[in-house]
Amino acid sequence: MKFGVRELIFLLLLIGVPVAAYFYVYEPRNIQIEEAREEIKVKTDKLKRLDEAMSSILDLGHEIDKLSESIALYEQKLPTQREVEVILKEVWELAAKHELTPKSIRTDKIVSTAHYAELPIKMEIIGNFDGLYSFLLDLERLQRITRMPTMKLKKMSCSQEGNMQADVILSIFFEG
């Protein structure tokens, strides 16, 4: 058998067709298959998480009811804007009960959010430290939601030991 140029070209074509098929057909297809496997894996994981969530769906209704009751409880603690004066009166009476003298009480701008509003009240109170401490404890026990973001204490130069002046900002929350 004679091996010439024609046979060499034929042999190169015979070898080149499978090599070209690998690079232009099989390799891109393998990449597509791998991407499809990754997508399947991601969707399978999502299905597993969905199955786990669905297994607790029986408890979901009960949990929603429980959270609704909690929200209702906190909404009861938020007074309407008309009741803010009542709370101010309660704070004033608490201060008097603990022998504190409110020097001044001023309200600041109302800060509103989506579900509630906050009324900051600047107070200057003069009296004994023990009375202030008892006042703060009683203030904490109030039924309404209050917050005290800042408080500055100054010792007064009086003849009586333990007297001080407190500059307090008291925030009262109410329905917006």
N, C-alpha and C. Protein backbone atom coordinates (compact mmCIF):
# COMPACT_ATOMS: atom_id res chain seq x y z
N MET A 1 0.83 -1.16 0.00
CA MET A 1 0.00 0.00 0.00
C MET A 1 0.89 1.24 0.00
N LYS A 2 0.49 2.16 -0.84
CA LYS A 2 1.25 3.37 -1.03
C LYS A 2 0.68 4.44 -0.09
N PHE A 3 1.56 5.13 0.66
CA PHE A 3 1.12 6.13 1.63
C PHE A 3 1.58 7.49 1.10
N GLY A 4 0.66 8.24 0.55
CA GLY A 4 1.01 9.50 -0.08
C GLY A 4 0.32 10.66 0.63
N VAL A 5 0.29 11.78 -0.06
CA VAL A 5 -0.30 13.00 0.48
C VAL A 5 -1.80 12.83 0.67
N ARG A 6 -2.43 12.20 -0.27
CA ARG A 6 -3.87 12.00 -0.19
C ARG A 6 -4.26 11.17 1.03
N GLU A 7 -3.54 10.15 1.29
CA GLU A 7 -3.82 9.30 2.45
C GLU A 7 -3.54 10.04 3.75
N LEU A 8 -2.48 10.89 3.74
CA LEU A 8 -2.12 11.67 4.93
C LEU A 8 -3.24 12.67 5.27
N ILE A 9 -3.77 13.34 4.24
CA ILE A 9 -4.87 14.28 4.45
C ILE A 9 -6.09 13.53 4.97
N PHE A 10 -6.37 12.36 4.40
CA PHE A 10 -7.52 11.56 4.84
C PHE A 10 -7.33 11.15 6.32
N LEU A 11 -6.12 10.75 6.67
CA LEU A 11 -5.84 10.34 8.06
C LEU A 11 -5.99 11.53 9.02
N LEU A 12 -5.51 12.71 8.59
CA LEU A 12 -5.64 13.90 9.42
C LEU A 12 -7.12 14.28 9.60
N LEU A 13 -7.91 14.15 8.53
CA LEU A 13 -9.35 14.41 8.63
C LEU A 13 -10.03 13.41 9.56
N LEU A 14 -9.61 12.15 9.47
CA LEU A 14 -10.19 11.13 10.36
C LEU A 14 -9.88 11.43 11.83
N ILE A 15 -8.72 11.92 12.11
CA ILE A 15 -8.35 12.26 13.49
C ILE A 15 -8.95 13.61 13.89
N GLY A 16 -9.03 14.55 12.94
CA GLY A 16 -9.51 15.90 13.24
C GLY A 16 -10.99 15.99 13.52
N VAL A 17 -11.79 15.15 12.86
CA VAL A 17 -13.25 15.20 13.08
C VAL A 17 -13.61 14.89 14.53
N PRO A 18 -13.11 13.83 15.15
CA PRO A 18 -13.46 13.60 16.56
C PRO A 18 -12.90 14.67 17.50
N VAL A 19 -11.69 15.18 17.20
CA VAL A 19 -11.13 16.22 18.04
C VAL A 19 -11.97 17.49 17.94
N ALA A 20 -12.35 17.88 16.74
CA ALA A 20 -13.20 19.07 16.55
C ALA A 20 -14.56 18.84 17.20
N ALA A 21 -15.10 17.63 17.07
CA ALA A 21 -16.40 17.33 17.69
C ALA A 21 -16.30 17.48 19.21
N TYR A 22 -15.17 17.06 19.80
CA TYR A 22 -15.01 17.19 21.24
C TYR A 22 -15.04 18.65 21.66
N PHE A 23 -14.26 19.51 20.97
CA PHE A 23 -14.16 20.91 21.35
C PHE A 23 -15.40 21.73 21.00
N TYR A 24 -16.07 21.39 19.91
CA TYR A 24 -17.20 22.21 19.47
C TYR A 24 -18.57 21.64 19.82
N VAL A 25 -18.63 20.37 20.20
CA VAL A 25 -19.93 19.77 20.53
C VAL A 25 -19.95 19.25 21.96
N TYR A 26 -19.04 18.35 22.29
CA TYR A 26 -19.09 17.67 23.59
C TYR A 26 -18.73 18.58 24.76
N GLU A 27 -17.68 19.39 24.62
CA GLU A 27 -17.26 20.26 25.72
C GLU A 27 -18.33 21.30 26.07
N PRO A 28 -18.92 22.05 25.11
CA PRO A 28 -20.00 22.97 25.48
C PRO A 28 -21.21 22.26 26.08
N ARG A 29 -21.49 21.07 25.57
CA ARG A 29 -22.63 20.31 26.10
C ARG A 29 -22.36 19.88 27.54
N ASN A 30 -21.13 19.49 27.83
CA ASN A 30 -20.78 19.10 29.21
C ASN A 30 -20.92 20.30 30.16
N ILE A 31 -20.55 21.49 29.69
CA ILE A 31 -20.72 22.70 30.51
C ILE A 31 -22.20 22.96 30.77
N GLN A 32 -23.04 22.81 29.75
CA GLN A 32 -24.49 23.00 29.92
C GLN A 32 -25.06 21.98 30.90
N ILE A 33 -24.59 20.74 30.80
CA ILE A 33 -25.07 19.69 31.71
C ILE A 33 -24.68 20.01 33.15
N GLU A 34 -23.45 20.49 33.36
CA GLU A 34 -23.00 20.84 34.70
C GLU A 34 -23.82 22.01 35.27
N GLU A 35 -24.09 23.02 34.44
CA GLU A 35 -24.92 24.14 34.89
C GLU A 35 -26.33 23.67 35.24
N ALA A 36 -26.87 22.76 34.45
CA ALA A 36 -28.21 22.22 34.74
C ALA A 36 -28.20 21.44 36.06
N ARG A 37 -27.11 20.71 36.32
CA ARG A 37 -27.02 19.97 37.59
C ARG A 37 -26.96 20.93 38.78
N GLU A 38 -26.22 22.03 38.65
CA GLU A 38 -26.16 23.03 39.71
C GLU A 38 -27.54 23.65 39.96
N GLU A 39 -28.23 23.96 38.88
CA GLU A 39 -29.58 24.53 39.00
C GLU A 39 -30.54 23.55 39.68
N ILE A 40 -30.41 22.30 39.32
CA ILE A 40 -31.25 21.26 39.95
C ILE A 40 -30.93 21.16 41.43
N LYS A 41 -29.63 21.24 41.77
CA LYS A 41 -29.24 21.16 43.18
C LYS A 41 -29.82 22.33 43.97
N VAL A 42 -29.75 23.54 43.40
CA VAL A 42 -30.29 24.72 44.08
C VAL A 42 -31.80 24.57 44.28
N LYS A 43 -32.49 24.14 43.26
CA LYS A 43 -33.95 23.98 43.37
C LYS A 43 -34.32 22.87 44.33
N THR A 44 -33.51 21.81 44.37
CA THR A 44 -33.76 20.72 45.33
C THR A 44 -33.60 21.23 46.76
N ASP A 45 -32.57 22.05 46.99
CA ASP A 45 -32.38 22.63 48.33
C ASP A 45 -33.56 23.51 48.71
N LYS A 46 -34.05 24.31 47.76
CA LYS A 46 -35.22 25.15 48.03
C LYS A 46 -36.43 24.29 48.36
N LEU A 47 -36.61 23.21 47.63
CA LEU A 47 -37.73 22.31 47.92
C LEU A 47 -37.62 21.70 49.31
N LYS A 48 -36.40 21.33 49.70
CA LYS A 48 -36.21 20.77 51.05
C LYS A 48 -36.58 21.79 52.12
N ARG A 49 -36.13 23.05 51.93
CA ARG A 49 -36.47 24.10 52.90
C ARG A 49 -37.97 24.36 52.91
N LEU A 50 -38.60 24.32 51.75
CA LEU A 50 -40.04 24.51 51.68
C LEU A 50 -40.77 23.38 52.40
N ASP A 51 -40.28 22.15 52.23
CA ASP A 51 -40.88 21.02 52.94
C ASP A 51 -40.75 21.18 54.45
N GLU A 52 -39.58 21.66 54.90
CA GLU A 52 -39.38 21.89 56.34
C GLU A 52 -40.34 22.96 56.85
N ALA A 53 -40.51 24.02 56.07
CA ALA A 53 -41.43 25.09 56.47
C ALA A 53 -42.87 24.59 56.45
N MET A 54 -43.21 23.79 55.48
CA MET A 54 -44.58 23.27 55.39
C MET A 54 -44.88 22.29 56.52
N SER A 55 -43.84 21.62 57.03
CA SER A 55 -44.09 20.69 58.13
C SER A 55 -44.53 21.42 59.39
N SER A 56 -44.11 22.68 59.54
CA SER A 56 -44.49 23.44 60.72
C SER A 56 -45.70 24.33 60.47
N ILE A 57 -46.34 24.18 59.33
CA ILE A 57 -47.48 25.06 59.00
C ILE A 57 -48.66 24.83 59.94
N LEU A 58 -48.75 23.68 60.53
CA LEU A 58 -49.84 23.42 61.47
C LEU A 58 -49.69 24.33 62.70
N ASP A 59 -48.45 24.57 63.11
CA ASP A 59 -48.20 25.43 64.25
C ASP A 59 -48.23 26.91 63.86
N LEU A 60 -48.19 27.21 62.59
CA LEU A 60 -48.10 28.58 62.13
C LEU A 60 -49.34 29.39 62.52
N GLY A 61 -50.51 28.83 62.37
CA GLY A 61 -51.74 29.53 62.76
C GLY A 61 -51.75 29.87 64.24
N HIS A 62 -51.33 28.92 65.05
CA HIS A 62 -51.26 29.15 66.50
C HIS A 62 -50.24 30.24 66.81
N GLU A 63 -49.11 30.22 66.12
CA GLU A 63 -48.06 31.22 66.35
C GLU A 63 -48.54 32.62 65.96
N ILE A 64 -49.28 32.72 64.87
CA ILE A 64 -49.83 34.01 64.44
C ILE A 64 -50.80 34.54 65.49
N ASP A 65 -51.65 33.68 66.02
CA ASP A 65 -52.59 34.10 67.06
C ASP A 65 -51.85 34.59 68.31
N LYS A 66 -50.79 33.88 68.67
CA LYS A 66 -50.01 34.25 69.84
C LYS A 66 -49.34 35.61 69.65
N LEU A 67 -48.77 35.82 68.46
CA LEU A 67 -48.13 37.11 68.18
C LEU A 67 -49.15 38.24 68.11
N SER A 68 -50.34 37.95 67.61
CA SER A 68 -51.39 38.97 67.56
C SER A 68 -51.80 39.39 68.97
N GLU A 69 -51.86 38.43 69.89
CA GLU A 69 -52.18 38.75 71.28
C GLU A 69 -51.08 39.62 71.90
N SER A 70 -49.83 39.33 71.57
CA SER A 70 -48.72 40.13 72.10
C SER A 70 -48.78 41.56 71.57
N ILE A 71 -49.09 41.70 70.30
CA ILE A 71 -49.22 43.04 69.71
C ILE A 71 -50.36 43.79 70.38
N ALA A 72 -51.48 43.11 70.60
CA ALA A 72 -52.62 43.75 71.25
C ALA A 72 -52.26 44.20 72.67
N LEU A 73 -51.45 43.40 73.37
CA LEU A 73 -51.03 43.76 74.72
C LEU A 73 -50.21 45.04 74.70
N TYR A 74 -49.27 45.15 73.76
CA TYR A 74 -48.45 46.37 73.69
C TYR A 74 -49.25 47.56 73.20
N GLU A 75 -50.22 47.33 72.34
CA GLU A 75 -51.07 48.44 71.89
C GLU A 75 -51.92 48.97 73.03
N GLN A 76 -52.29 48.11 73.98
CA GLN A 76 -53.04 48.58 75.14
C GLN A 76 -52.19 49.49 76.00
N LYS A 77 -50.88 49.26 75.99
CA LYS A 77 -49.99 50.10 76.79
C LYS A 77 -49.71 51.44 76.13
N LEU A 78 -50.09 51.59 74.86
CA LEU A 78 -49.91 52.87 74.18
C LEU A 78 -51.18 53.69 74.36
N PRO A 79 -51.09 54.79 75.07
CA PRO A 79 -52.28 55.62 75.24
C PRO A 79 -52.58 56.40 73.97
N THR A 80 -53.77 56.93 73.90
CA THR A 80 -54.07 57.84 72.80
C THR A 80 -53.45 59.19 73.14
N GLN A 81 -53.42 60.09 72.18
CA GLN A 81 -52.79 61.39 72.42
C GLN A 81 -53.53 62.17 73.50
N ARG A 82 -54.82 61.95 73.64
CA ARG A 82 -55.59 62.66 74.67
C ARG A 82 -55.18 62.20 76.07
N GLU A 83 -54.70 60.96 76.20
CA GLU A 83 -54.34 60.43 77.52
C GLU A 83 -52.94 60.81 77.96
N VAL A 84 -52.20 61.52 77.12
CA VAL A 84 -50.84 61.90 77.49
C VAL A 84 -50.85 62.82 78.70
N GLU A 85 -51.84 63.71 78.78
CA GLU A 85 -51.93 64.60 79.93
C GLU A 85 -52.15 63.82 81.21
N VAL A 86 -52.88 62.72 81.13
CA VAL A 86 -53.11 61.87 82.30
C VAL A 86 -51.78 61.27 82.77
N ILE A 87 -50.98 60.85 81.82
CA ILE A 87 -49.68 60.28 82.17
C ILE A 87 -48.78 61.34 82.77
N LEU A 88 -48.81 62.54 82.23
CA LEU A 88 -48.04 63.65 82.81
C LEU A 88 -48.46 63.90 84.25
N LYS A 89 -49.77 63.84 84.49
CA LYS A 89 -50.28 64.04 85.85
C LYS A 89 -49.78 62.92 86.77
N GLU A 90 -49.77 61.67 86.26
CA GLU A 90 -49.27 60.55 87.06
C GLU A 90 -47.80 60.75 87.41
N VAL A 91 -47.01 61.21 86.44
CA VAL A 91 -45.58 61.45 86.70
C VAL A 91 -45.41 62.55 87.74
N TRP A 92 -46.20 63.61 87.62
CA TRP A 92 -46.15 64.73 88.57
C TRP A 92 -46.49 64.24 89.98
N GLU A 93 -47.55 63.42 90.07
CA GLU A 93 -47.96 62.89 91.38
C GLU A 93 -46.92 61.94 91.95
N LEU A 94 -46.27 61.16 91.09
CA LEU A 94 -45.20 60.29 91.57
C LEU A 94 -44.06 61.11 92.16
N ALA A 95 -43.70 62.19 91.49
CA ALA A 95 -42.63 63.05 92.00
C ALA A 95 -43.02 63.64 93.36
N ALA A 96 -44.26 64.10 93.48
CA ALA A 96 -44.72 64.68 94.75
C ALA A 96 -44.75 63.61 95.84
N LYS A 97 -45.15 62.40 95.48
CA LYS A 97 -45.22 61.30 96.44
C LYS A 97 -43.84 61.02 97.06
N HIS A 98 -42.80 61.18 96.28
CA HIS A 98 -41.45 60.89 96.77
C HIS A 98 -40.71 62.16 97.20
N GLU A 99 -41.49 63.19 97.52
CA GLU A 99 -40.98 64.45 98.05
C GLU A 99 -39.95 65.10 97.12
N LEU A 100 -40.24 65.02 95.83
CA LEU A 100 -39.42 65.69 94.83
C LEU A 100 -40.17 66.92 94.34
N THR A 101 -39.44 67.97 94.01
CA THR A 101 -40.06 69.19 93.52
C THR A 101 -39.76 69.34 92.04
N PRO A 102 -40.77 69.17 91.20
CA PRO A 102 -40.53 69.40 89.77
C PRO A 102 -40.37 70.89 89.51
N LYS A 103 -39.17 71.30 89.11
CA LYS A 103 -38.88 72.70 88.88
C LYS A 103 -39.50 73.16 87.56
N SER A 104 -39.36 72.34 86.53
CA SER A 104 -39.99 72.67 85.25
C SER A 104 -40.25 71.39 84.47
N ILE A 105 -41.33 71.44 83.69
CA ILE A 105 -41.67 70.34 82.80
C ILE A 105 -42.03 70.96 81.45
N ARG A 106 -41.30 70.58 80.41
CA ARG A 106 -41.56 71.09 79.06
C ARG A 106 -41.64 69.93 78.09
N THR A 107 -42.61 69.99 77.22
CA THR A 107 -42.71 68.97 76.18
C THR A 107 -41.93 69.43 74.96
N ASP A 108 -41.39 68.47 74.23
CA ASP A 108 -40.62 68.74 73.03
C ASP A 108 -41.47 68.35 71.82
N LYS A 109 -40.89 68.38 70.64
CA LYS A 109 -41.62 68.00 69.42
C LYS A 109 -41.98 66.53 69.46
N ILE A 110 -43.15 66.21 68.94
CA ILE A 110 -43.58 64.82 68.84
C ILE A 110 -42.83 64.15 67.70
N VAL A 111 -42.27 62.98 67.98
CA VAL A 111 -41.56 62.19 66.97
C VAL A 111 -42.51 61.08 66.53
N SER A 112 -42.91 61.10 65.25
CA SER A 112 -43.88 60.13 64.75
C SER A 112 -43.20 59.05 63.93
N THR A 113 -43.73 57.83 64.04
CA THR A 113 -43.33 56.72 63.18
C THR A 113 -44.60 56.14 62.59
N ALA A 114 -44.47 54.99 61.95
CA ALA A 114 -45.62 54.40 61.27
C ALA A 114 -46.74 54.00 62.23
N HIS A 115 -46.38 53.43 63.40
CA HIS A 115 -47.40 52.85 64.27
C HIS A 115 -47.57 53.57 65.60
N TYR A 116 -46.63 54.40 65.96
CA TYR A 116 -46.71 55.07 67.25
C TYR A 116 -46.03 56.43 67.15
N ALA A 117 -46.21 57.22 68.19
CA ALA A 117 -45.54 58.51 68.29
C ALA A 117 -44.88 58.60 69.65
N GLU A 118 -43.85 59.42 69.74
CA GLU A 118 -43.08 59.55 70.97
C GLU A 118 -43.07 61.03 71.35
N LEU A 119 -43.41 61.30 72.60
CA LEU A 119 -43.42 62.67 73.11
C LEU A 119 -42.32 62.82 74.15
N PRO A 120 -41.21 63.50 73.81
CA PRO A 120 -40.16 63.73 74.81
C PRO A 120 -40.56 64.85 75.77
N ILE A 121 -40.34 64.63 77.03
CA ILE A 121 -40.66 65.61 78.08
C ILE A 121 -39.39 65.90 78.85
N LYS A 122 -39.00 67.18 78.87
CA LYS A 122 -37.81 67.60 79.62
C LYS A 122 -38.26 68.03 81.01
N MET A 123 -37.67 67.40 82.02
CA MET A 123 -38.05 67.69 83.40
C MET A 123 -36.81 68.07 84.20
N GLU A 124 -37.00 69.04 85.12
CA GLU A 124 -35.97 69.36 86.11
C GLU A 124 -36.59 69.07 87.46
N ILE A 125 -35.96 68.18 88.20
CA ILE A 125 -36.50 67.74 89.49
C ILE A 125 -35.46 68.02 90.57
N ILE A 126 -35.92 68.55 91.68
CA ILE A 126 -35.04 68.84 92.82
C ILE A 126 -35.53 68.03 94.01
N GLY A 127 -34.59 67.43 94.73
CA GLY A 127 -34.97 66.68 95.92
C GLY A 127 -33.86 65.76 96.38
N ASN A 128 -34.22 64.85 97.26
CA ASN A 128 -33.29 63.91 97.83
C ASN A 128 -33.02 62.78 96.83
N PHE A 129 -31.79 62.25 96.84
CA PHE A 129 -31.44 61.19 95.90
C PHE A 129 -32.26 59.93 96.15
N ASP A 130 -32.50 59.60 97.42
CA ASP A 130 -33.31 58.41 97.72
C ASP A 130 -34.72 58.55 97.16
N GLY A 131 -35.28 59.76 97.25
CA GLY A 131 -36.60 60.00 96.67
C GLY A 131 -36.57 59.85 95.15
N LEU A 132 -35.49 60.32 94.52
CA LEU A 132 -35.37 60.18 93.06
C LEU A 132 -35.28 58.71 92.67
N TYR A 133 -34.53 57.96 93.45
CA TYR A 133 -34.40 56.54 93.16
C TYR A 133 -35.75 55.83 93.28
N SER A 134 -36.49 56.13 94.31
CA SER A 134 -37.83 55.54 94.48
C SER A 134 -38.76 56.00 93.36
N PHE A 135 -38.64 57.26 92.97
CA PHE A 135 -39.44 57.80 91.87
C PHE A 135 -39.17 57.03 90.57
N LEU A 136 -37.90 56.75 90.30
CA LEU A 136 -37.54 56.01 89.09
C LEU A 136 -38.07 54.58 89.12
N LEU A 137 -38.03 53.96 90.29
CA LEU A 137 -38.57 52.61 90.41
C LEU A 137 -40.08 52.60 90.15
N ASP A 138 -40.80 53.58 90.71
CA ASP A 138 -42.25 53.65 90.48
C ASP A 138 -42.56 54.02 89.03
N LEU A 139 -41.73 54.84 88.44
CA LEU A 139 -41.90 55.20 87.04
C LEU A 139 -41.76 53.98 86.14
N GLU A 140 -40.86 53.10 86.52
CA GLU A 140 -40.66 51.86 85.76
C GLU A 140 -41.88 50.94 85.87
N ARG A 141 -42.60 51.01 86.96
CA ARG A 141 -43.75 50.14 87.19
C ARG A 141 -45.04 50.67 86.55
N LEU A 142 -44.99 51.85 85.94
CA LEU A 142 -46.19 52.38 85.29
C LEU A 142 -46.68 51.41 84.22
N GLN A 143 -47.99 51.41 83.99
CA GLN A 143 -48.59 50.51 83.00
C GLN A 143 -48.24 50.92 81.57
N ARG A 144 -47.95 52.16 81.36
CA ARG A 144 -47.68 52.66 80.02
C ARG A 144 -46.20 52.51 79.67
N ILE A 145 -45.93 52.52 78.38
CA ILE A 145 -44.55 52.40 77.91
C ILE A 145 -43.88 53.76 77.97
N THR A 146 -42.81 53.84 78.74
CA THR A 146 -42.03 55.07 78.84
C THR A 146 -40.55 54.71 78.68
N ARG A 147 -39.77 55.74 78.36
CA ARG A 147 -38.33 55.54 78.18
C ARG A 147 -37.63 56.78 78.71
N MET A 148 -36.45 56.59 79.29
CA MET A 148 -35.68 57.72 79.79
C MET A 148 -34.31 57.69 79.10
N PRO A 149 -34.19 58.37 77.95
CA PRO A 149 -32.93 58.30 77.20
C PRO A 149 -31.77 59.04 77.88
N THR A 150 -32.05 60.14 78.55
CA THR A 150 -30.95 60.85 79.21
C THR A 150 -31.37 61.33 80.60
N MET A 151 -30.37 61.39 81.49
CA MET A 151 -30.58 61.90 82.83
C MET A 151 -29.25 62.46 83.33
N LYS A 152 -29.26 63.70 83.81
CA LYS A 152 -28.07 64.34 84.36
C LYS A 152 -28.34 64.70 85.82
N LEU A 153 -27.45 64.28 86.68
CA LEU A 153 -27.58 64.57 88.11
C LEU A 153 -26.54 65.59 88.53
N LYS A 154 -26.97 66.57 89.35
CA LYS A 154 -26.06 67.58 89.88
C LYS A 154 -26.25 67.62 91.40
N LYS A 155 -25.16 67.59 92.11
CA LYS A 155 -25.23 67.71 93.56
C LYS A 155 -25.44 69.19 93.89
N MET A 156 -26.41 69.44 94.76
CA MET A 156 -26.72 70.83 95.13
C MET A 156 -25.91 71.19 96.37
N SER A 157 -25.49 72.42 96.42
CA SER A 157 -24.72 72.88 97.58
C SER A 157 -25.68 73.44 98.62
N CYS A 158 -26.45 72.54 99.22
CA CYS A 158 -27.41 72.93 100.27
C CYS A 158 -26.89 72.43 101.61
N SER A 159 -27.55 72.85 102.63
CA SER A 159 -27.16 72.42 103.98
C SER A 159 -27.52 70.96 104.21
N GLN A 160 -28.51 70.45 103.48
CA GLN A 160 -28.97 69.09 103.69
C GLN A 160 -28.17 68.13 102.80
N GLU A 161 -27.72 67.03 103.37
CA GLU A 161 -26.92 66.05 102.65
C GLU A 161 -27.82 65.22 101.72
N GLY A 162 -27.37 64.96 100.51
CA GLY A 162 -28.10 64.10 99.59
C GLY A 162 -29.02 64.84 98.64
N ASN A 163 -29.13 66.15 98.73
CA ASN A 163 -29.99 66.89 97.81
C ASN A 163 -29.30 67.02 96.46
N MET A 164 -30.09 66.95 95.42
CA MET A 164 -29.55 67.03 94.08
C MET A 164 -30.61 67.55 93.12
N GLN A 165 -30.14 67.88 91.91
CA GLN A 165 -31.05 68.32 90.84
C GLN A 165 -30.85 67.34 89.70
N ALA A 166 -31.97 66.86 89.16
CA ALA A 166 -31.92 65.92 88.05
C ALA A 166 -32.56 66.55 86.82
N ASP A 167 -31.81 66.57 85.72
CA ASP A 167 -32.36 66.98 84.43
C ASP A 167 -32.64 65.70 83.66
N VAL A 168 -33.92 65.45 83.41
CA VAL A 168 -34.36 64.18 82.84
C VAL A 168 -35.13 64.44 81.55
N ILE A 169 -34.90 63.58 80.56
CA ILE A 169 -35.77 63.56 79.39
C ILE A 169 -36.54 62.25 79.45
N LEU A 170 -37.84 62.36 79.56
CA LEU A 170 -38.72 61.21 79.67
C LEU A 170 -39.55 61.13 78.39
N SER A 171 -39.50 59.99 77.71
CA SER A 171 -40.26 59.82 76.48
C SER A 171 -41.49 58.98 76.75
N ILE A 172 -42.63 59.50 76.35
CA ILE A 172 -43.89 58.78 76.49
C ILE A 172 -44.35 58.37 75.10
N PHE A 173 -44.72 57.13 74.95
CA PHE A 173 -45.19 56.62 73.66
C PHE A 173 -46.70 56.60 73.64
N PHE A 174 -47.27 56.94 72.49
CA PHE A 174 -48.72 56.88 72.33
C PHE A 174 -49.04 56.54 70.89
N GLU A 175 -50.31 56.23 70.66
CA GLU A 175 -50.73 55.85 69.31
C GLU A 175 -50.62 57.04 68.38
N GLY A 176 -49.98 56.81 67.22
CA GLY A 176 -49.78 57.89 66.26
C GLY A 176 -50.95 58.07 65.33
